[in-house]
Amino acid sequence: VYPLETTAAGVNVDALAPTGAAKDVLVVGYGQS
């Protein structure tokens, strides 16, 4: 829809777990950006 060169960033929501509140979050591919 807009040029990728001027797309600031993106967030992927694949599937979040219905297992209750957690003290952490998982970052898949940690260390990339």
PDB file of all heavy atoms in Angstrom:
ATOM      1  N   VAL A   1       0.844  -1.202   0.000  1.00  0.00           N
ATOM      2  CA  VAL A   1       0.000   0.000   0.000  1.00  0.00           C
ATOM      3  C   VAL A   1       0.873   1.243   0.000  1.00  0.00           C
ATOM      4  O   VAL A   1       0.594   2.218  -0.703  1.00  0.00           O
ATOM      5  CB  VAL A   1      -0.927  -0.010   1.235  1.00  0.00           C
ATOM      6  CG1 VAL A   1      -1.718   1.300   1.326  1.00  0.00           C
ATOM      7  CG2 VAL A   1      -1.875  -1.188   1.177  1.00  0.00           C
ATOM      8  N   TYR A   2       1.940   1.216   0.773  1.00  0.00           N
ATOM      9  CA  TYR A   2       2.933   2.286   0.817  1.00  0.00           C
ATOM     10  C   TYR A   2       4.304   1.678   0.516  1.00  0.00           C
ATOM     11  O   TYR A   2       4.539   0.509   0.811  1.00  0.00           O
ATOM     12  CB  TYR A   2       2.950   2.961   2.190  1.00  0.00           C
ATOM     13  CG  TYR A   2       1.641   3.588   2.577  1.00  0.00           C
ATOM     14  CD1 TYR A   2       0.806   2.981   3.519  1.00  0.00           C
ATOM     15  CD2 TYR A   2       1.219   4.785   2.002  1.00  0.00           C
ATOM     16  CE1 TYR A   2      -0.409   3.556   3.871  1.00  0.00           C
ATOM     17  CE2 TYR A   2       0.007   5.355   2.346  1.00  0.00           C
ATOM     18  CZ  TYR A   2      -0.804   4.741   3.278  1.00  0.00           C
ATOM     19  OH  TYR A   2      -2.004   5.307   3.621  1.00  0.00           O
ATOM     20  N   PRO A   3       5.214   2.461  -0.054  1.00  0.00           N
ATOM     21  CA  PRO A   3       6.539   1.909  -0.398  1.00  0.00           C
ATOM     22  C   PRO A   3       7.220   1.290   0.827  1.00  0.00           C
ATOM     23  O   PRO A   3       7.202   1.864   1.916  1.00  0.00           O
ATOM     24  CB  PRO A   3       7.313   3.124  -0.912  1.00  0.00           C
ATOM     25  CG  PRO A   3       6.262   4.084  -1.373  1.00  0.00           C
ATOM     26  CD  PRO A   3       5.101   3.888  -0.447  1.00  0.00           C
ATOM     27  N   LEU A   4       7.822   0.145   0.641  1.00  0.00           N
ATOM     28  CA  LEU A   4       8.505  -0.512   1.752  1.00  0.00           C
ATOM     29  C   LEU A   4       9.713   0.288   2.218  1.00  0.00           C
ATOM     30  O   LEU A   4      10.094   0.218   3.391  1.00  0.00           O
ATOM     31  CB  LEU A   4       8.936  -1.923   1.341  1.00  0.00           C
ATOM     32  CG  LEU A   4       7.803  -2.896   1.002  1.00  0.00           C
ATOM     33  CD1 LEU A   4       8.365  -4.284   0.729  1.00  0.00           C
ATOM     34  CD2 LEU A   4       6.748  -2.951   2.102  1.00  0.00           C
ATOM     35  N   GLU A   5      10.317   1.066   1.328  1.00  0.00           N
ATOM     36  CA  GLU A   5      11.471   1.874   1.704  1.00  0.00           C
ATOM     37  C   GLU A   5      11.117   2.900   2.775  1.00  0.00           C
ATOM     38  O   GLU A   5      11.968   3.278   3.584  1.00  0.00           O
ATOM     39  CB  GLU A   5      12.047   2.590   0.486  1.00  0.00           C
ATOM     40  CG  GLU A   5      12.636   1.673  -0.568  1.00  0.00           C
ATOM     41  CD  GLU A   5      11.584   1.095  -1.499  1.00  0.00           C
ATOM     42  OE1 GLU A   5      10.388   1.414  -1.328  1.00  0.00           O
ATOM     43  OE2 GLU A   5      11.957   0.321  -2.403  1.00  0.00           O
ATOM     44  N   THR A   6       9.868   3.359   2.771  1.00  0.00           N
ATOM     45  CA  THR A   6       9.424   4.344   3.759  1.00  0.00           C
ATOM     46  C   THR A   6       8.373   3.757   4.700  1.00  0.00           C
ATOM     47  O   THR A   6       7.599   4.498   5.305  1.00  0.00           O
ATOM     48  CB  THR A   6       8.882   5.602   3.057  1.00  0.00           C
ATOM     49  OG1 THR A   6       7.908   5.227   2.073  1.00  0.00           O
ATOM     50  CG2 THR A   6      10.020   6.363   2.393  1.00  0.00           C
ATOM     51  N   THR A   7       8.345   2.456   4.824  1.00  0.00           N
ATOM     52  CA  THR A   7       7.566   1.795   5.867  1.00  0.00           C
ATOM     53  C   THR A   7       8.464   1.701   7.092  1.00  0.00           C
ATOM     54  O   THR A   7       9.531   1.084   7.036  1.00  0.00           O
ATOM     55  CB  THR A   7       7.119   0.394   5.421  1.00  0.00           C
ATOM     56  OG1 THR A   7       6.243   0.510   4.287  1.00  0.00           O
ATOM     57  CG2 THR A   7       6.395  -0.329   6.548  1.00  0.00           C
ATOM     58  N   ALA A   8       8.057   2.345   8.177  1.00  0.00           N
ATOM     59  CA  ALA A   8       8.936   2.462   9.345  1.00  0.00           C
ATOM     60  C   ALA A   8       9.260   1.107   9.954  1.00  0.00           C
ATOM     61  O   ALA A   8      10.419   0.823  10.281  1.00  0.00           O
ATOM     62  CB  ALA A   8       8.303   3.374  10.388  1.00  0.00           C
ATOM     63  N   ALA A   9       8.252   0.279  10.115  1.00  0.00           N
ATOM     64  CA  ALA A   9       8.454  -1.015  10.761  1.00  0.00           C
ATOM     65  C   ALA A   9       7.168  -1.817  10.669  1.00  0.00           C
ATOM     66  O   ALA A   9       6.120  -1.311  10.250  1.00  0.00           O
ATOM     67  CB  ALA A   9       8.860  -0.843  12.222  1.00  0.00           C
ATOM     68  N   GLY A  10       7.247  -3.061  11.076  1.00  0.00           N
ATOM     69  CA  GLY A  10       6.074  -3.918  11.108  1.00  0.00           C
ATOM     70  C   GLY A  10       6.109  -4.836  12.314  1.00  0.00           C
ATOM     71  O   GLY A  10       7.176  -5.146  12.853  1.00  0.00           O
ATOM     72  N   VAL A  11       4.923  -5.239  12.757  1.00  0.00           N
ATOM     73  CA  VAL A  11       4.789  -6.158  13.887  1.00  0.00           C
ATOM     74  C   VAL A  11       3.941  -7.334  13.445  1.00  0.00           C
ATOM     75  O   VAL A  11       2.842  -7.150  12.904  1.00  0.00           O
ATOM     76  CB  VAL A  11       4.137  -5.464  15.099  1.00  0.00           C
ATOM     77  CG1 VAL A  11       3.899  -6.462  16.216  1.00  0.00           C
ATOM     78  CG2 VAL A  11       5.014  -4.317  15.592  1.00  0.00           C
ATOM     79  N   ASN A  12       4.436  -8.521  13.666  1.00  0.00           N
ATOM     80  CA  ASN A  12       3.714  -9.729  13.280  1.00  0.00           C
ATOM     81  C   ASN A  12       2.996 -10.313  14.491  1.00  0.00           C
ATOM     82  O   ASN A  12       3.598 -10.578  15.520  1.00  0.00           O
ATOM     83  CB  ASN A  12       4.703 -10.758  12.711  1.00  0.00           C
ATOM     84  CG  ASN A  12       4.008 -12.048  12.297  1.00  0.00           C
ATOM     85  OD1 ASN A  12       2.838 -12.056  11.938  1.00  0.00           O
ATOM     86  ND2 ASN A  12       4.733 -13.149  12.342  1.00  0.00           N
ATOM     87  N   VAL A  13       1.683 -10.508  14.358  1.00  0.00           N
ATOM     88  CA  VAL A  13       0.896 -11.207  15.376  1.00  0.00           C
ATOM     89  C   VAL A  13       0.456 -12.523  14.746  1.00  0.00           C
ATOM     90  O   VAL A  13      -0.454 -12.550  13.919  1.00  0.00           O
ATOM     91  CB  VAL A  13      -0.334 -10.385  15.823  1.00  0.00           C
ATOM     92  CG1 VAL A  13      -1.113 -11.158  16.879  1.00  0.00           C
ATOM     93  CG2 VAL A  13       0.094  -9.036  16.357  1.00  0.00           C
ATOM     94  N   ASP A  14       1.122 -13.589  15.114  1.00  0.00           N
ATOM     95  CA  ASP A  14       0.792 -14.893  14.533  1.00  0.00           C
ATOM     96  C   ASP A  14      -0.248 -15.588  15.403  1.00  0.00           C
ATOM     97  O   ASP A  14      -1.389 -15.790  14.988  1.00  0.00           O
ATOM     98  CB  ASP A  14       2.068 -15.734  14.408  1.00  0.00           C
ATOM     99  CG  ASP A  14       1.862 -16.975  13.554  1.00  0.00           C
ATOM    100  OD1 ASP A  14       0.692 -17.413  13.436  1.00  0.00           O
ATOM    101  OD2 ASP A  14       2.830 -17.508  13.008  1.00  0.00           O
ATOM    102  N   ALA A  15       0.136 -15.957  16.604  1.00  0.00           N
ATOM    103  CA  ALA A  15      -0.808 -16.589  17.537  1.00  0.00           C
ATOM    104  C   ALA A  15      -0.321 -16.339  18.951  1.00  0.00           C
ATOM    105  O   ALA A  15       0.817 -16.640  19.283  1.00  0.00           O
ATOM    106  CB  ALA A  15      -0.901 -18.083  17.262  1.00  0.00           C
ATOM    107  N   LEU A  16      -1.194 -15.781  19.782  1.00  0.00           N
ATOM    108  CA  LEU A  16      -0.880 -15.575  21.185  1.00  0.00           C
ATOM    109  C   LEU A  16      -1.594 -16.638  22.014  1.00  0.00           C
ATOM    110  O   LEU A  16      -2.675 -17.086  21.650  1.00  0.00           O
ATOM    111  CB  LEU A  16      -1.292 -14.166  21.616  1.00  0.00           C
ATOM    112  CG  LEU A  16      -0.615 -13.020  20.849  1.00  0.00           C
ATOM    113  CD1 LEU A  16      -1.152 -11.670  21.324  1.00  0.00           C
ATOM    114  CD2 LEU A  16       0.902 -13.076  21.010  1.00  0.00           C
ATOM    115  N   ALA A  17      -0.976 -17.028  23.101  1.00  0.00           N
ATOM    116  CA  ALA A  17      -1.461 -18.185  23.855  1.00  0.00           C
ATOM    117  C   ALA A  17      -2.480 -17.803  24.927  1.00  0.00           C
ATOM    118  O   ALA A  17      -2.213 -16.906  25.734  1.00  0.00           O
ATOM    119  CB  ALA A  17      -0.285 -18.906  24.500  1.00  0.00           C
ATOM    120  N   PRO A  18      -3.623 -18.484  25.000  1.00  0.00           N
ATOM    121  CA  PRO A  18      -4.635 -18.221  26.034  1.00  0.00           C
ATOM    122  C   PRO A  18      -4.332 -18.966  27.326  1.00  0.00           C
ATOM    123  O   PRO A  18      -5.162 -19.710  27.860  1.00  0.00           O
ATOM    124  CB  PRO A  18      -5.922 -18.731  25.381  1.00  0.00           C
ATOM    125  CG  PRO A  18      -5.454 -19.892  24.549  1.00  0.00           C
ATOM    126  CD  PRO A  18      -4.097 -19.501  24.031  1.00  0.00           C
ATOM    127  N   THR A  19      -3.121 -18.777  27.829  1.00  0.00           N
ATOM    128  CA  THR A  19      -2.662 -19.515  29.004  1.00  0.00           C
ATOM    129  C   THR A  19      -2.524 -18.630  30.235  1.00  0.00           C
ATOM    130  O   THR A  19      -1.957 -19.054  31.236  1.00  0.00           O
ATOM    131  CB  THR A  19      -1.307 -20.193  28.704  1.00  0.00           C
ATOM    132  OG1 THR A  19      -0.400 -19.234  28.129  1.00  0.00           O
ATOM    133  CG2 THR A  19      -1.480 -21.331  27.719  1.00  0.00           C
ATOM    134  N   GLY A  20      -3.017 -17.400  30.156  1.00  0.00           N
ATOM    135  CA  GLY A  20      -2.965 -16.510  31.308  1.00  0.00           C
ATOM    136  C   GLY A  20      -1.807 -15.538  31.236  1.00  0.00           C
ATOM    137  O   GLY A  20      -0.964 -15.593  30.338  1.00  0.00           O
ATOM    138  N   ALA A  21      -1.773 -14.638  32.201  1.00  0.00           N
ATOM    139  CA  ALA A  21      -0.749 -13.582  32.236  1.00  0.00           C
ATOM    140  C   ALA A  21       0.637 -14.183  32.435  1.00  0.00           C
ATOM    141  O   ALA A  21       0.813 -15.167  33.161  1.00  0.00           O
ATOM    142  CB  ALA A  21      -1.068 -12.592  33.348  1.00  0.00           C
ATOM    143  N   ALA A  22       1.620 -13.569  31.780  1.00  0.00           N
ATOM    144  CA  ALA A  22       3.003 -14.032  31.872  1.00  0.00           C
ATOM    145  C   ALA A  22       3.916 -12.883  32.262  1.00  0.00           C
ATOM    146  O   ALA A  22       3.618 -11.715  32.012  1.00  0.00           O
ATOM    147  CB  ALA A  22       3.459 -14.632  30.547  1.00  0.00           C
ATOM    148  N   LYS A  23       5.043 -13.226  32.856  1.00  0.00           N
ATOM    149  CA  LYS A  23       6.027 -12.229  33.263  1.00  0.00           C
ATOM    150  C   LYS A  23       6.957 -11.846  32.125  1.00  0.00           C
ATOM    151  O   LYS A  23       7.783 -10.936  32.275  1.00  0.00           O
ATOM    152  CB  LYS A  23       6.853 -12.770  34.428  1.00  0.00           C
ATOM    153  CG  LYS A  23       6.036 -13.181  35.636  1.00  0.00           C
ATOM    154  CD  LYS A  23       6.911 -13.874  36.677  1.00  0.00           C
ATOM    155  CE  LYS A  23       6.099 -14.454  37.809  1.00  0.00           C
ATOM    156  NZ  LYS A  23       6.952 -15.194  38.772  1.00  0.00           N
ATOM    157  N   ASP A  24       6.844 -12.537  31.002  1.00  0.00           N
ATOM    158  CA  ASP A  24       7.754 -12.304  29.880  1.00  0.00           C
ATOM    159  C   ASP A  24       6.995 -12.342  28.567  1.00  0.00           C
ATOM    160  O   ASP A  24       5.792 -12.638  28.534  1.00  0.00           O
ATOM    161  CB  ASP A  24       8.871 -13.363  29.871  1.00  0.00           C
ATOM    162  CG  ASP A  24       8.327 -14.788  29.760  1.00  0.00           C
ATOM    163  OD1 ASP A  24       7.083 -14.979  29.853  1.00  0.00           O
ATOM    164  OD2 ASP A  24       9.129 -15.722  29.579  1.00  0.00           O
ATOM    165  N   VAL A  25       7.679 -12.005  27.488  1.00  0.00           N
ATOM    166  CA  VAL A  25       7.189 -12.228  26.131  1.00  0.00           C
ATOM    167  C   VAL A  25       8.331 -12.881  25.353  1.00  0.00           C
ATOM    168  O   VAL A  25       9.505 -12.669  25.667  1.00  0.00           O
ATOM    169  CB  VAL A  25       6.736 -10.935  25.414  1.00  0.00           C
ATOM    170  CG1 VAL A  25       5.625 -10.242  26.183  1.00  0.00           C
ATOM    171  CG2 VAL A  25       7.909  -9.991  25.181  1.00  0.00           C
ATOM    172  N   LEU A  26       7.982 -13.650  24.376  1.00  0.00           N
ATOM    173  CA  LEU A  26       8.983 -14.280  23.515  1.00  0.00           C
ATOM    174  C   LEU A  26       9.185 -13.422  22.285  1.00  0.00           C
ATOM    175  O   LEU A  26       8.208 -13.034  21.627  1.00  0.00           O
ATOM    176  CB  LEU A  26       8.523 -15.678  23.101  1.00  0.00           C
ATOM    177  CG  LEU A  26       9.349 -16.377  22.017  1.00  0.00           C
ATOM    178  CD1 LEU A  26      10.753 -16.683  22.527  1.00  0.00           C
ATOM    179  CD2 LEU A  26       8.650 -17.643  21.552  1.00  0.00           C
ATOM    180  N   VAL A  27      10.430 -13.097  21.962  1.00  0.00           N
ATOM    181  CA  VAL A  27      10.744 -12.432  20.702  1.00  0.00           C
ATOM    182  C   VAL A  27      11.414 -13.457  19.798  1.00  0.00           C
ATOM    183  O   VAL A  27      12.529 -13.905  20.066  1.00  0.00           O
ATOM    184  CB  VAL A  27      11.652 -11.209  20.900  1.00  0.00           C
ATOM    185  CG1 VAL A  27      12.134 -10.674  19.556  1.00  0.00           C
ATOM    186  CG2 VAL A  27      10.894 -10.118  21.646  1.00  0.00           C
ATOM    187  N   VAL A  28      10.696 -13.852  18.759  1.00  0.00           N
ATOM    188  CA  VAL A  28      11.213 -14.822  17.803  1.00  0.00           C
ATOM    189  C   VAL A  28      12.224 -14.109  16.897  1.00  0.00           C
ATOM    190  O   VAL A  28      11.958 -13.016  16.398  1.00  0.00           O
ATOM    191  CB  VAL A  28      10.067 -15.428  16.975  1.00  0.00           C
ATOM    192  CG1 VAL A  28      10.609 -16.434  15.960  1.00  0.00           C
ATOM    193  CG2 VAL A  28       9.036 -16.085  17.885  1.00  0.00           C
ATOM    194  N   GLY A  29      13.374 -14.727  16.704  1.00  0.00           N
ATOM    195  CA  GLY A  29      14.421 -14.072  15.931  1.00  0.00           C
ATOM    196  C   GLY A  29      15.092 -12.963  16.711  1.00  0.00           C
ATOM    197  O   GLY A  29      15.513 -11.944  16.137  1.00  0.00           O
ATOM    198  N   TYR A  30      15.195 -13.153  18.003  1.00  0.00           N
ATOM    199  CA  TYR A  30      15.773 -12.115  18.866  1.00  0.00           C
ATOM    200  C   TYR A  30      17.175 -11.721  18.385  1.00  0.00           C
ATOM    201  O   TYR A  30      17.986 -12.559  18.010  1.00  0.00           O
ATOM    202  CB  TYR A  30      15.865 -12.631  20.300  1.00  0.00           C
ATOM    203  CG  TYR A  30      16.437 -11.634  21.271  1.00  0.00           C
ATOM    204  CD1 TYR A  30      15.651 -10.619  21.795  1.00  0.00           C
ATOM    205  CD2 TYR A  30      17.771 -11.710  21.655  1.00  0.00           C
ATOM    206  CE1 TYR A  30      16.181  -9.697  22.683  1.00  0.00           C
ATOM    207  CE2 TYR A  30      18.312 -10.791  22.551  1.00  0.00           C
ATOM    208  CZ  TYR A  30      17.506  -9.789  23.057  1.00  0.00           C
ATOM    209  OH  TYR A  30      18.034  -8.872  23.932  1.00  0.00           O
ATOM    210  N   GLY A  31      17.435 -10.409  18.419  1.00  0.00           N
ATOM    211  CA  GLY A  31      18.727  -9.895  18.000  1.00  0.00           C
ATOM    212  C   GLY A  31      18.740  -9.350  16.586  1.00  0.00           C
ATOM    213  O   GLY A  31      19.775  -8.863  16.120  1.00  0.00           O
ATOM    214  N   GLN A  32      17.589  -9.377  15.911  1.00  0.00           N
ATOM    215  CA  GLN A  32      17.550  -8.912  14.531  1.00  0.00           C
ATOM    216  C   GLN A  32      17.507  -7.390  14.411  1.00  0.00           C
ATOM    217  O   GLN A  32      18.224  -6.819  13.590  1.00  0.00           O
ATOM    218  CB  GLN A  32      16.334  -9.522  13.804  1.00  0.00           C
ATOM    219  CG  GLN A  32      16.478 -10.977  13.416  1.00  0.00           C
ATOM    220  CD  GLN A  32      17.376 -11.166  12.199  1.00  0.00           C
ATOM    221  OE1 GLN A  32      17.870 -10.204  11.617  1.00  0.00           O
ATOM    222  NE2 GLN A  32      17.596 -12.408  11.813  1.00  0.00           N
ATOM    223  N   SER A  33      16.659  -6.729  15.186  1.00  0.00           N
ATOM    224  CA  SER A  33      16.469  -5.288  14.978  1.00  0.00           C
ATOM    225  C   SER A  33      16.395  -4.526  16.285  1.00  0.00           C
ATOM    226  O   SER A  33      16.220  -5.110  17.367  1.00  0.00           O
ATOM    227  CB  SER A  33      15.189  -5.031  14.171  1.00  0.00           C
ATOM    228  OG  SER A  33      14.049  -5.096  15.011  1.00  0.00           O
TER     229      SER A  33
END
